[in-house]
Every structure is written in C-alpha cells, then in structure tokens.
Amino acid sequence: MHDAYFDYLKKFTAKPLTSDERALIRQHFRPYRLRKKQYLLQAGEICHNYGFIVKGAMRMYTVDDKEMEHIVRLGIENWWMGDRESFINQTPSRYNIDALEHCELLCLTLEGSLALQKNVPAFVEMKFKLDERNEMANNRRVTSAISDPANKRYADLLACYPEFAQRFPQHVIASYLGINKDTLSRIKRQIDLK
C-alpha cells in the first residue's frame, strides 16, 4: 500500500527517497480500511488521523439544523482527507468524513507529520506544493460559489474533475456544488440536448 504513496510523492520532488526516508514513511503512515458508509471522523471528534486515499471515494460534510448535508470536499485515489483545522489545532471538528466506497487509506498522525517534516525533505516539498494548490482551488471554489450560476459550476467541475461524475451519486455532486439534485438534473438534461 505504501508504494502508492511513494509513486505519488515522486510528482513533487526530483530527488529520490533514501531507504531511511522510506522506512520513516512506512513507520508513520499506517494502513487503514473503511467500509462503505463507515466514518473516518464524526463532528465533535478531534481529527487524530489525516488520510491519503489509496483506493476508494470519500466525502467531508456538515449537517445543518434541518438535517441537510453540505459537502465541502470530495476525495478519490491520490487525494488527502481530513479536517486540517482539527488536525493541526487538536480541537473538535465540525465535519463528518465518511467513505462512499470501500476505502484503503494511509493515515498519518500529527506527531508523524511533524517527524516527517523534520526528516524527509520530499514530504516538506510535497506539503508546500499541496498548500499552494489547495489555496488556489479553495479561492476558485469560493468565488465560483458566490458568483457563478449553477450550470457553470457544474461545467467547471466536469472540466477539472471528470471522474467525479462517474464516481459520485448525483445528490452528492449537487450538494458539493451547493444546488439541489433537481437543479442538477435539469442542467444535465440541458447539456445532453446540446
């Protein structure tokens, strides 16, 4: 399972990992399996593990007072899943994270992350580049949510993440886009007519 992470890490650094660095990564990334609908994190808990998805699909969401789910993040293979605020500050999370498919993860504790940051330069480089990408993606998503019509948000999602349409149910994609599933059905019909 660790080989999937080693392959992923190659995308962020040209320098190959030493055998000691590989051993540290194996030591700190623990394999973890989730069944479909099983939680990695529930609202009110502290996020003790940040997960690298080796296999499967997951979602991170909140539930409002009317029991409506609001999905803030989706994840598939080679994506990360966890509540960063809760993980870093060790405070209770407001999010639920569960598996939408059977999942295989490599989970990292805060202590493990700090140890890798001290001893594995490739991990630091990866983390820095991911932080940059995350900020840009989050800014685009917020801007889109407050200014773009629903059909543009859906078109942008398909352009950036075409696999989402195959992997996630329509109601999940609708929630992620901040629309209801009837609106998404109408948008999809309009696209099919073109």
Protein backbone atom coordinates (compact mmCIF):
# COMPACT_ATOMS: atom_id res chain seq x y z
CA MET A 1 0.00 0.00 0.00
CA HIS A 2 2.89 2.37 0.71
CA ASP A 3 4.09 2.06 -2.89
CA ALA A 4 1.06 4.11 -3.98
CA TYR A 5 2.24 6.94 -1.73
CA PHE A 6 5.86 6.62 -2.90
CA ASP A 7 4.66 6.94 -6.52
CA TYR A 8 2.55 9.95 -5.57
CA LEU A 9 5.46 11.64 -3.81
CA LYS A 10 7.60 11.39 -6.99
CA LYS A 11 5.33 14.01 -8.59
CA PHE A 12 6.52 16.62 -6.10
CA THR A 13 10.27 16.13 -5.99
CA ALA A 14 13.04 15.10 -8.35
CA LYS A 15 15.22 13.74 -5.56
CA PRO A 16 14.64 10.02 -4.87
CA LEU A 17 13.86 8.91 -1.35
CA THR A 18 16.60 7.25 0.67
CA SER A 19 15.96 3.88 2.28
CA ASP A 20 15.85 5.63 5.69
CA GLU A 21 13.22 8.09 4.43
CA ARG A 22 11.13 5.23 3.04
CA ALA A 23 11.38 3.45 6.38
CA LEU A 24 10.22 6.60 8.23
CA ILE A 25 7.26 6.97 5.87
CA ARG A 26 6.30 3.33 6.39
CA GLN A 27 6.62 3.82 10.15
CA HIS A 28 4.37 6.90 10.27
CA PHE A 29 1.77 6.11 7.58
CA ARG A 30 -0.47 3.37 8.97
CA PRO A 31 -2.72 1.35 6.63
CA TYR A 32 -6.39 1.78 7.42
CA ARG A 33 -9.52 0.39 5.78
CA LEU A 34 -13.02 1.81 5.78
CA ARG A 35 -16.16 0.05 4.64
CA LYS A 36 -18.67 1.99 2.59
CA LYS A 37 -20.57 4.42 4.88
CA GLN A 38 -18.03 4.00 7.69
CA TYR A 39 -16.72 7.19 9.31
CA LEU A 40 -13.14 8.35 9.41
CA LEU A 41 -14.28 11.31 11.54
CA GLN A 42 -17.54 12.45 13.10
CA ALA A 43 -18.48 16.00 14.06
CA GLY A 44 -17.36 16.72 17.63
CA GLU A 45 -14.36 14.39 17.48
CA ILE A 46 -10.76 15.51 17.14
CA CYS A 47 -9.14 14.62 13.82
CA HIS A 48 -6.26 12.45 15.01
CA ASN A 49 -5.54 10.97 11.57
CA TYR A 50 -5.09 12.59 8.18
CA GLY A 51 -5.60 10.10 5.39
CA PHE A 52 -4.03 9.60 1.98
CA ILE A 53 -6.59 7.75 -0.15
CA VAL A 54 -5.01 4.74 -1.84
CA LYS A 55 -8.33 3.31 -3.02
CA GLY A 56 -11.92 4.48 -2.79
CA ALA A 57 -14.00 7.65 -2.58
CA MET A 58 -14.87 9.82 0.41
CA ARG A 59 -16.70 12.98 1.37
CA MET A 60 -16.35 15.62 4.07
CA TYR A 61 -19.54 17.41 5.09
CA THR A 62 -21.54 19.26 7.71
CA VAL A 63 -25.15 18.74 8.69
CA ASP A 64 -27.28 21.82 9.41
CA ASP A 65 -30.19 22.28 11.85
CA LYS A 66 -32.63 20.99 9.22
CA GLU A 67 -30.59 17.79 8.78
CA MET A 68 -29.38 18.92 5.34
CA GLU A 69 -25.90 17.75 4.35
CA HIS A 70 -23.45 20.28 2.91
CA ILE A 71 -20.47 18.64 1.25
CA VAL A 72 -17.29 20.70 1.43
CA ARG A 73 -14.82 18.21 -0.01
CA LEU A 74 -14.77 15.07 -2.10
CA GLY A 75 -11.79 12.76 -2.41
CA ILE A 76 -10.65 9.85 -4.53
CA GLU A 77 -7.38 7.99 -5.07
CA ASN A 78 -4.25 10.08 -4.51
CA TRP A 79 -6.19 12.75 -2.62
CA TRP A 80 -5.98 13.61 1.07
CA MET A 81 -8.87 13.54 3.51
CA GLY A 82 -9.12 15.01 6.98
CA ASP A 83 -10.13 18.16 8.81
CA ARG A 84 -6.93 20.20 8.75
CA GLU A 85 -8.08 22.71 11.39
CA SER A 86 -8.97 19.98 13.87
CA PHE A 87 -5.83 18.01 12.99
CA ILE A 88 -3.40 20.91 13.47
CA ASN A 89 -5.11 22.52 16.50
CA GLN A 90 -6.31 19.24 18.03
CA THR A 91 -9.77 20.74 18.52
CA PRO A 92 -13.19 19.16 17.90
CA SER A 93 -14.20 19.04 14.26
CA ARG A 94 -17.43 20.39 12.86
CA TYR A 95 -17.23 17.92 9.95
CA ASN A 96 -18.14 14.33 9.25
CA ILE A 97 -15.91 12.32 6.93
CA ASP A 98 -17.13 9.02 5.60
CA ALA A 99 -16.49 6.52 2.84
CA LEU A 100 -18.74 6.48 -0.22
CA GLU A 101 -16.95 3.34 -1.44
CA HIS A 102 -14.81 0.78 0.35
CA CYS A 103 -11.56 2.65 1.03
CA GLU A 104 -7.93 1.90 1.71
CA LEU A 105 -6.02 4.74 3.35
CA LEU A 106 -2.60 5.51 4.69
CA CYS A 107 -3.20 7.53 7.86
CA LEU A 108 -0.80 9.93 9.48
CA THR A 109 -0.95 11.38 12.99
CA LEU A 110 0.11 14.94 13.80
CA GLU A 111 3.22 13.60 15.54
CA GLY A 112 4.01 11.52 12.46
CA SER A 113 3.55 14.52 10.20
CA LEU A 114 5.92 16.61 12.33
CA ALA A 115 8.51 13.82 12.34
CA LEU A 116 8.34 13.53 8.55
CA GLN A 117 8.64 17.30 8.18
CA LYS A 118 11.87 17.19 10.19
CA ASN A 119 13.40 14.19 8.45
CA VAL A 120 12.02 13.84 4.91
CA PRO A 121 12.63 16.86 2.64
CA ALA A 122 10.41 15.39 -0.09
CA PHE A 123 7.49 15.36 2.37
CA VAL A 124 8.06 19.06 3.13
CA GLU A 125 8.22 19.87 -0.57
CA MET A 126 5.01 17.93 -1.23
CA LYS A 127 3.24 19.65 1.67
CA PHE A 128 4.30 23.10 0.46
CA LYS A 129 3.12 22.46 -3.10
CA LEU A 130 -0.18 20.98 -1.89
CA ASP A 131 -0.78 24.01 0.33
CA GLU A 132 -0.30 26.30 -2.68
CA ARG A 133 -2.65 24.22 -4.84
CA ASN A 134 -5.24 24.00 -2.06
CA GLU A 135 -5.32 27.75 -1.56
CA MET A 136 -5.80 28.36 -5.28
CA ALA A 137 -8.51 25.69 -5.56
CA ASN A 138 -10.33 26.97 -2.47
CA ASN A 139 -10.26 30.54 -3.76
CA ARG A 140 -11.66 29.40 -7.12
CA ARG A 141 -14.38 27.37 -5.41
CA VAL A 142 -15.48 30.19 -3.09
CA THR A 143 -15.50 32.69 -5.96
CA SER A 144 -17.49 30.28 -8.10
CA ALA A 145 -19.96 29.56 -5.29
CA ILE A 146 -20.74 33.24 -4.76
CA SER A 147 -20.70 34.46 -8.36
CA ASP A 148 -21.20 31.68 -10.92
CA PRO A 149 -24.53 30.22 -12.00
CA ALA A 150 -25.14 26.54 -11.24
CA ASN A 151 -24.60 25.40 -14.84
CA LYS A 152 -21.12 26.99 -14.91
CA ARG A 153 -20.20 25.42 -11.56
CA TYR A 154 -21.18 22.00 -12.93
CA ALA A 155 -19.31 22.55 -16.22
CA ASP A 156 -16.20 23.64 -14.29
CA LEU A 157 -16.44 20.57 -12.05
CA LEU A 158 -16.61 18.29 -15.10
CA ALA A 159 -13.69 20.10 -16.73
CA CYS A 160 -11.47 19.87 -13.63
CA TYR A 161 -12.60 16.52 -12.22
CA PRO A 162 -14.36 14.49 -14.94
CA GLU A 163 -14.09 11.31 -12.87
CA PHE A 164 -16.40 12.79 -10.20
CA ALA A 165 -19.42 12.33 -12.49
CA GLN A 166 -18.65 8.59 -12.68
CA ARG A 167 -17.72 8.06 -9.05
CA PHE A 168 -20.21 10.10 -7.04
CA PRO A 169 -24.02 9.90 -6.95
CA GLN A 170 -25.92 12.87 -8.36
CA HIS A 171 -27.18 14.05 -4.95
CA VAL A 172 -23.57 14.14 -3.66
CA ILE A 173 -22.39 16.23 -6.61
CA ALA A 174 -25.39 18.55 -6.21
CA SER A 175 -24.58 19.11 -2.52
CA TYR A 176 -20.92 19.73 -3.35
CA LEU A 177 -21.99 22.37 -5.88
CA GLY A 178 -24.44 23.96 -3.44
CA ILE A 179 -27.53 23.15 -5.51
CA ASN A 180 -30.37 20.66 -5.19
CA LYS A 181 -30.46 17.44 -7.19
CA ASP A 182 -33.44 18.62 -9.30
CA THR A 183 -31.41 21.62 -10.47
CA LEU A 184 -28.52 19.32 -11.32
CA SER A 185 -30.86 17.02 -13.27
CA ARG A 186 -32.13 20.00 -15.27
CA ILE A 187 -28.56 21.13 -16.02
CA LYS A 188 -27.58 17.64 -17.15
CA ARG A 189 -30.64 17.45 -19.44
CA GLN A 190 -29.68 20.79 -20.99
CA ILE A 191 -26.15 19.51 -21.62
CA ASP A 192 -27.49 16.29 -23.19
CA LEU A 193 -29.69 18.32 -25.57
CA LYS A 194 -26.70 20.24 -26.95
